[in-house]
């Protein structure tokens, strides 16, 4: 915790000019901050957070540019292509852009931006990349099957006390614990 002698200028100076990585945020305080952001999204935009909608809007727009007839007749793509505004003007697209910029800024201020691949001592970089790719594909397919990504399902659905969202996040954690047993040797 900050004591009375600590000043905002000292904190900023440490963040901006320190060469050593800064400690990670307290996860409970970060969770409270995320909850405030979620509440603000409801108040300001009238809906919760989520990432899948931004990617779906971008893909739908790309399909429309390549094959307008297919996009117009497809129930899936046409539902993401409003006629009154540009599909990439959806606020979720700007949310994702903000997440990328904010993550890079946070990493830079904390001295953690560097070219590296996080991996255990018993796995090669290509092996780690393969696991990451396969895991990303599985999460992408799962998010489409679940009709929302983990942020939309867990944060927004959980905040709304949606039973399906609570089942989803419990299944995510249970699956992660089971799979972790089989790949634990890669990290230890």
C-alpha atoms as a PDB file:
ATOM      1  CA  UNK A   1       0.000   0.000   0.000  1.00  0.00           C
ATOM      2  CA  UNK A   2       1.029   3.579  -0.522  1.00  0.00           C
ATOM      3  CA  UNK A   3       2.119   5.505   2.556  1.00  0.00           C
ATOM      4  CA  UNK A   4       1.576   9.202   3.172  1.00  0.00           C
ATOM      5  CA  UNK A   5       5.079  10.113   2.020  1.00  0.00           C
ATOM      6  CA  UNK A   6       4.609   8.668  -1.476  1.00  0.00           C
ATOM      7  CA  UNK A   7       3.684  11.233  -4.119  1.00  0.00           C
ATOM      8  CA  UNK A   8       2.128  10.809  -7.548  1.00  0.00           C
ATOM      9  CA  UNK A   9       5.196  12.391  -9.167  1.00  0.00           C
ATOM     10  CA  UNK A  10       7.474   9.844  -7.509  1.00  0.00           C
ATOM     11  CA  UNK A  11       5.290   7.010  -8.758  1.00  0.00           C
ATOM     12  CA  UNK A  12       5.258   8.381 -12.312  1.00  0.00           C
ATOM     13  CA  UNK A  13       9.023   8.961 -12.237  1.00  0.00           C
ATOM     14  CA  UNK A  14       9.567   5.353 -11.140  1.00  0.00           C
ATOM     15  CA  UNK A  15       7.227   4.026 -13.828  1.00  0.00           C
ATOM     16  CA  UNK A  16       8.647   6.162 -16.636  1.00  0.00           C
ATOM     17  CA  UNK A  17      12.362   6.052 -15.910  1.00  0.00           C
ATOM     18  CA  UNK A  18      13.041   2.827 -14.002  1.00  0.00           C
ATOM     19  CA  UNK A  19      15.056   0.251 -15.958  1.00  0.00           C
ATOM     20  CA  UNK A  20      13.999  -2.723 -13.822  1.00  0.00           C
ATOM     21  CA  UNK A  21      10.589  -4.369 -14.253  1.00  0.00           C
ATOM     22  CA  UNK A  22       7.950  -3.151 -11.823  1.00  0.00           C
ATOM     23  CA  UNK A  23       5.995  -5.606  -9.657  1.00  0.00           C
ATOM     24  CA  UNK A  24       2.688  -6.902 -10.960  1.00  0.00           C
ATOM     25  CA  UNK A  25      -0.498  -5.271  -9.766  1.00  0.00           C
ATOM     26  CA  UNK A  26      -2.341  -6.731  -6.833  1.00  0.00           C
ATOM     27  CA  UNK A  27      -4.850  -9.099  -8.528  1.00  0.00           C
ATOM     28  CA  UNK A  28      -7.653  -8.103  -6.168  1.00  0.00           C
ATOM     29  CA  UNK A  29      -7.222  -4.405  -6.914  1.00  0.00           C
ATOM     30  CA  UNK A  30      -6.965  -5.169 -10.641  1.00  0.00           C
ATOM     31  CA  UNK A  31     -10.202  -7.194 -10.354  1.00  0.00           C
ATOM     32  CA  UNK A  32     -11.946  -4.290  -8.655  1.00  0.00           C
ATOM     33  CA  UNK A  33     -10.713  -2.014 -11.451  1.00  0.00           C
ATOM     34  CA  UNK A  34     -12.029  -4.432 -14.068  1.00  0.00           C
ATOM     35  CA  UNK A  35     -15.382  -4.503 -12.276  1.00  0.00           C
ATOM     36  CA  UNK A  36     -15.522  -0.702 -12.382  1.00  0.00           C
ATOM     37  CA  UNK A  37     -14.766  -0.759 -16.114  1.00  0.00           C
ATOM     38  CA  UNK A  38     -17.535  -3.343 -16.623  1.00  0.00           C
ATOM     39  CA  UNK A  39     -19.993  -1.208 -14.650  1.00  0.00           C
ATOM     40  CA  UNK A  40     -18.963   1.869 -16.653  1.00  0.00           C
ATOM     41  CA  UNK A  41     -19.571  -0.002 -19.924  1.00  0.00           C
ATOM     42  CA  UNK A  42     -23.135  -0.746 -18.787  1.00  0.00           C
ATOM     43  CA  UNK A  43     -23.726   2.845 -17.727  1.00  0.00           C
ATOM     44  CA  UNK A  44     -22.181   4.474 -20.802  1.00  0.00           C
ATOM     45  CA  UNK A  45     -22.886   1.941 -23.587  1.00  0.00           C
ATOM     46  CA  UNK A  46     -25.804  -0.039 -22.180  1.00  0.00           C
ATOM     47  CA  UNK A  47     -24.018  -3.398 -22.532  1.00  0.00           C
ATOM     48  CA  UNK A  48     -21.079  -5.291 -21.095  1.00  0.00           C
ATOM     49  CA  UNK A  49     -17.587  -6.072 -22.308  1.00  0.00           C
ATOM     50  CA  UNK A  50     -16.577  -8.639 -24.901  1.00  0.00           C
ATOM     51  CA  UNK A  51     -14.015  -9.211 -27.609  1.00  0.00           C
ATOM     52  CA  UNK A  52     -15.659 -11.689 -29.956  1.00  0.00           C
ATOM     53  CA  UNK A  53     -18.111  -9.142 -31.329  1.00  0.00           C
ATOM     54  CA  UNK A  54     -15.281  -6.897 -32.515  1.00  0.00           C
ATOM     55  CA  UNK A  55     -13.579  -9.705 -34.423  1.00  0.00           C
ATOM     56  CA  UNK A  56     -16.906 -10.868 -35.847  1.00  0.00           C
ATOM     57  CA  UNK A  57     -17.656  -7.336 -37.057  1.00  0.00           C
ATOM     58  CA  UNK A  58     -14.231  -7.119 -38.705  1.00  0.00           C
ATOM     59  CA  UNK A  59     -14.569 -10.543 -40.393  1.00  0.00           C
ATOM     60  CA  UNK A  60     -18.114  -9.760 -41.540  1.00  0.00           C
ATOM     61  CA  UNK A  61     -16.917  -6.488 -43.056  1.00  0.00           C
ATOM     62  CA  UNK A  62     -14.078  -8.356 -44.828  1.00  0.00           C
ATOM     63  CA  UNK A  63     -16.518 -10.926 -46.246  1.00  0.00           C
ATOM     64  CA  UNK A  64     -18.776  -8.100 -47.401  1.00  0.00           C
ATOM     65  CA  UNK A  65     -15.867  -6.473 -49.248  1.00  0.00           C
ATOM     66  CA  UNK A  66     -14.944  -9.745 -51.002  1.00  0.00           C
ATOM     67  CA  UNK A  67     -18.444 -11.144 -51.637  1.00  0.00           C
ATOM     68  CA  UNK A  68     -21.265  -8.671 -50.938  1.00  0.00           C
ATOM     69  CA  UNK A  69     -23.943 -11.120 -52.119  1.00  0.00           C
ATOM     70  CA  UNK A  70     -22.777 -13.849 -49.744  1.00  0.00           C
ATOM     71  CA  UNK A  71     -22.575 -11.437 -46.792  1.00  0.00           C
ATOM     72  CA  UNK A  72     -26.066 -10.102 -47.508  1.00  0.00           C
ATOM     73  CA  UNK A  73     -27.695 -13.539 -47.803  1.00  0.00           C
ATOM     74  CA  UNK A  74     -25.862 -15.182 -44.888  1.00  0.00           C
ATOM     75  CA  UNK A  75     -27.880 -14.927 -41.672  1.00  0.00           C
ATOM     76  CA  UNK A  76     -24.646 -14.898 -39.658  1.00  0.00           C
ATOM     77  CA  UNK A  77     -22.761 -12.172 -41.547  1.00  0.00           C
ATOM     78  CA  UNK A  78     -25.797 -10.009 -42.290  1.00  0.00           C
ATOM     79  CA  UNK A  79     -26.633  -9.757 -38.576  1.00  0.00           C
ATOM     80  CA  UNK A  80     -23.249  -8.066 -38.013  1.00  0.00           C
ATOM     81  CA  UNK A  81     -23.599  -5.680 -40.961  1.00  0.00           C
ATOM     82  CA  UNK A  82     -25.949  -2.874 -39.974  1.00  0.00           C
ATOM     83  CA  UNK A  83     -27.217  -0.751 -42.837  1.00  0.00           C
ATOM     84  CA  UNK A  84     -27.185   2.554 -40.955  1.00  0.00           C
ATOM     85  CA  UNK A  85     -23.478   2.725 -40.045  1.00  0.00           C
ATOM     86  CA  UNK A  86     -20.095   1.275 -40.861  1.00  0.00           C
ATOM     87  CA  UNK A  87     -19.683  -2.145 -39.158  1.00  0.00           C
ATOM     88  CA  UNK A  88     -16.206  -1.263 -37.919  1.00  0.00           C
ATOM     89  CA  UNK A  89     -17.682   1.745 -36.083  1.00  0.00           C
ATOM     90  CA  UNK A  90     -19.014  -0.659 -33.444  1.00  0.00           C
ATOM     91  CA  UNK A  91     -17.656   0.403 -30.054  1.00  0.00           C
ATOM     92  CA  UNK A  92     -16.330  -3.131 -29.414  1.00  0.00           C
ATOM     93  CA  UNK A  93     -13.818  -2.637 -32.245  1.00  0.00           C
ATOM     94  CA  UNK A  94     -12.495   0.426 -30.430  1.00  0.00           C
ATOM     95  CA  UNK A  95     -12.528  -1.506 -27.146  1.00  0.00           C
ATOM     96  CA  UNK A  96     -10.120  -4.055 -28.644  1.00  0.00           C
ATOM     97  CA  UNK A  97      -7.910  -1.313 -30.091  1.00  0.00           C
ATOM     98  CA  UNK A  98      -7.837   0.253 -26.614  1.00  0.00           C
ATOM     99  CA  UNK A  99      -6.954  -3.091 -25.019  1.00  0.00           C
ATOM    100  CA  UNK A 100      -3.972  -3.483 -27.358  1.00  0.00           C
ATOM    101  CA  UNK A 101      -2.773   0.101 -26.837  1.00  0.00           C
ATOM    102  CA  UNK A 102      -3.388  -0.059 -23.078  1.00  0.00           C
ATOM    103  CA  UNK A 103      -1.593  -3.395 -22.732  1.00  0.00           C
ATOM    104  CA  UNK A 104       1.423  -2.101 -24.648  1.00  0.00           C
ATOM    105  CA  UNK A 105       1.478   1.139 -22.637  1.00  0.00           C
ATOM    106  CA  UNK A 106       1.167  -0.744 -19.348  1.00  0.00           C
ATOM    107  CA  UNK A 107       3.933  -3.162 -20.321  1.00  0.00           C
ATOM    108  CA  UNK A 108       6.162  -0.301 -21.419  1.00  0.00           C
ATOM    109  CA  UNK A 109       5.639   1.665 -18.201  1.00  0.00           C
ATOM    110  CA  UNK A 110       6.334  -1.457 -16.128  1.00  0.00           C
ATOM    111  CA  UNK A 111       9.505  -2.256 -18.113  1.00  0.00           C
ATOM    112  CA  UNK A 112       8.155  -5.587 -19.362  1.00  0.00           C
ATOM    113  CA  UNK A 113       8.094  -5.068 -23.143  1.00  0.00           C
ATOM    114  CA  UNK A 114      10.703  -7.271 -24.745  1.00  0.00           C
ATOM    115  CA  UNK A 115      10.937  -9.832 -27.510  1.00  0.00           C
ATOM    116  CA  UNK A 116      10.666 -13.191 -25.749  1.00  0.00           C
ATOM    117  CA  UNK A 117       8.652 -16.385 -25.667  1.00  0.00           C
ATOM    118  CA  UNK A 118       7.489 -17.442 -22.216  1.00  0.00           C
ATOM    119  CA  UNK A 119       8.099 -21.172 -21.896  1.00  0.00           C
ATOM    120  CA  UNK A 120       9.223 -23.841 -19.500  1.00  0.00           C
ATOM    121  CA  UNK A 121      12.707 -25.362 -19.563  1.00  0.00           C
ATOM    122  CA  UNK A 122      11.571 -28.619 -21.193  1.00  0.00           C
ATOM    123  CA  UNK A 123       9.875 -27.252 -24.286  1.00  0.00           C
ATOM    124  CA  UNK A 124      11.268 -25.667 -27.421  1.00  0.00           C
ATOM    125  CA  UNK A 125      10.121 -22.333 -28.803  1.00  0.00           C
ATOM    126  CA  UNK A 126       8.419 -24.004 -31.807  1.00  0.00           C
ATOM    127  CA  UNK A 127       6.707 -26.445 -29.430  1.00  0.00           C
ATOM    128  CA  UNK A 128       5.465 -23.572 -27.275  1.00  0.00           C
ATOM    129  CA  UNK A 129       4.211 -21.750 -30.364  1.00  0.00           C
ATOM    130  CA  UNK A 130       2.377 -24.892 -31.493  1.00  0.00           C
ATOM    131  CA  UNK A 131       0.676 -25.233 -28.088  1.00  0.00           C
ATOM    132  CA  UNK A 132      -0.266 -21.556 -28.168  1.00  0.00           C
ATOM    133  CA  UNK A 133      -1.665 -21.852 -31.700  1.00  0.00           C
ATOM    134  CA  UNK A 134      -3.697 -24.981 -30.918  1.00  0.00           C
ATOM    135  CA  UNK A 135      -4.951 -23.421 -27.670  1.00  0.00           C
ATOM    136  CA  UNK A 136      -5.933 -20.232 -29.494  1.00  0.00           C
ATOM    137  CA  UNK A 137      -7.851 -22.190 -32.124  1.00  0.00           C
ATOM    138  CA  UNK A 138      -9.625 -24.188 -29.400  1.00  0.00           C
ATOM    139  CA  UNK A 139     -10.582 -20.989 -27.557  1.00  0.00           C
ATOM    140  CA  UNK A 140     -11.802 -19.382 -30.808  1.00  0.00           C
ATOM    141  CA  UNK A 141     -13.970 -22.370 -31.696  1.00  0.00           C
ATOM    142  CA  UNK A 142     -15.204 -22.570 -28.117  1.00  0.00           C
ATOM    143  CA  UNK A 143     -16.103 -18.890 -28.053  1.00  0.00           C
ATOM    144  CA  UNK A 144     -18.220 -19.290 -31.196  1.00  0.00           C
ATOM    145  CA  UNK A 145     -19.915 -22.414 -29.809  1.00  0.00           C
ATOM    146  CA  UNK A 146     -20.562 -20.658 -26.489  1.00  0.00           C
ATOM    147  CA  UNK A 147     -21.799 -17.554 -28.343  1.00  0.00           C
ATOM    148  CA  UNK A 148     -19.238 -15.343 -26.665  1.00  0.00           C
ATOM    149  CA  UNK A 149     -15.661 -15.082 -25.519  1.00  0.00           C
ATOM    150  CA  UNK A 150     -14.441 -15.548 -21.979  1.00  0.00           C
ATOM    151  CA  UNK A 151     -14.709 -11.835 -21.237  1.00  0.00           C
ATOM    152  CA  UNK A 152     -18.250 -11.653 -22.561  1.00  0.00           C
ATOM    153  CA  UNK A 153     -19.357 -14.915 -20.987  1.00  0.00           C
ATOM    154  CA  UNK A 154     -17.544 -14.711 -17.656  1.00  0.00           C
ATOM    155  CA  UNK A 155     -17.503 -10.998 -16.941  1.00  0.00           C
ATOM    156  CA  UNK A 156     -20.688  -9.764 -18.553  1.00  0.00           C
ATOM    157  CA  UNK A 157     -22.742 -12.953 -18.230  1.00  0.00           C
ATOM    158  CA  UNK A 158     -21.438 -13.604 -14.729  1.00  0.00           C
ATOM    159  CA  UNK A 159     -22.310 -10.064 -13.656  1.00  0.00           C
ATOM    160  CA  UNK A 160     -25.832 -10.642 -14.982  1.00  0.00           C
ATOM    161  CA  UNK A 161     -25.979 -13.941 -13.039  1.00  0.00           C
ATOM    162  CA  UNK A 162     -26.542 -15.925 -16.236  1.00  0.00           C
ATOM    163  CA  UNK A 163     -26.527 -19.633 -15.395  1.00  0.00           C
ATOM    164  CA  UNK A 164     -24.980 -20.480 -18.781  1.00  0.00           C
ATOM    165  CA  UNK A 165     -22.124 -18.063 -18.162  1.00  0.00           C
ATOM    166  CA  UNK A 166     -21.408 -19.520 -14.731  1.00  0.00           C
ATOM    167  CA  UNK A 167     -21.421 -23.043 -16.188  1.00  0.00           C
ATOM    168  CA  UNK A 168     -19.099 -21.842 -18.963  1.00  0.00           C
ATOM    169  CA  UNK A 169     -16.502 -20.300 -16.640  1.00  0.00           C
ATOM    170  CA  UNK A 170     -16.587 -23.294 -14.286  1.00  0.00           C
ATOM    171  CA  UNK A 171     -16.020 -25.556 -17.307  1.00  0.00           C
ATOM    172  CA  UNK A 172     -13.092 -23.364 -18.421  1.00  0.00           C
ATOM    173  CA  UNK A 173     -11.396 -23.594 -15.026  1.00  0.00           C
ATOM    174  CA  UNK A 174     -12.091 -27.317 -14.629  1.00  0.00           C
ATOM    175  CA  UNK A 175     -10.732 -28.053 -18.112  1.00  0.00           C
ATOM    176  CA  UNK A 176      -7.650 -25.905 -17.454  1.00  0.00           C
ATOM    177  CA  UNK A 177      -6.881 -27.810 -14.245  1.00  0.00           C
ATOM    178  CA  UNK A 178      -7.302 -31.184 -15.962  1.00  0.00           C
ATOM    179  CA  UNK A 179      -5.158 -30.230 -18.980  1.00  0.00           C
ATOM    180  CA  UNK A 180      -2.520 -28.627 -16.720  1.00  0.00           C
ATOM    181  CA  UNK A 181      -1.852 -32.033 -15.179  1.00  0.00           C
ATOM    182  CA  UNK A 182      -0.851 -33.456 -18.567  1.00  0.00           C
ATOM    183  CA  UNK A 183       1.377 -30.536 -19.643  1.00  0.00           C
ATOM    184  CA  UNK A 184       2.890 -29.709 -16.245  1.00  0.00           C
ATOM    185  CA  UNK A 185       6.259 -31.249 -17.152  1.00  0.00           C
ATOM    186  CA  UNK A 186       6.631 -28.637 -19.885  1.00  0.00           C
ATOM    187  CA  UNK A 187       6.734 -25.862 -17.249  1.00  0.00           C
ATOM    188  CA  UNK A 188       8.641 -27.374 -14.341  1.00  0.00           C
END
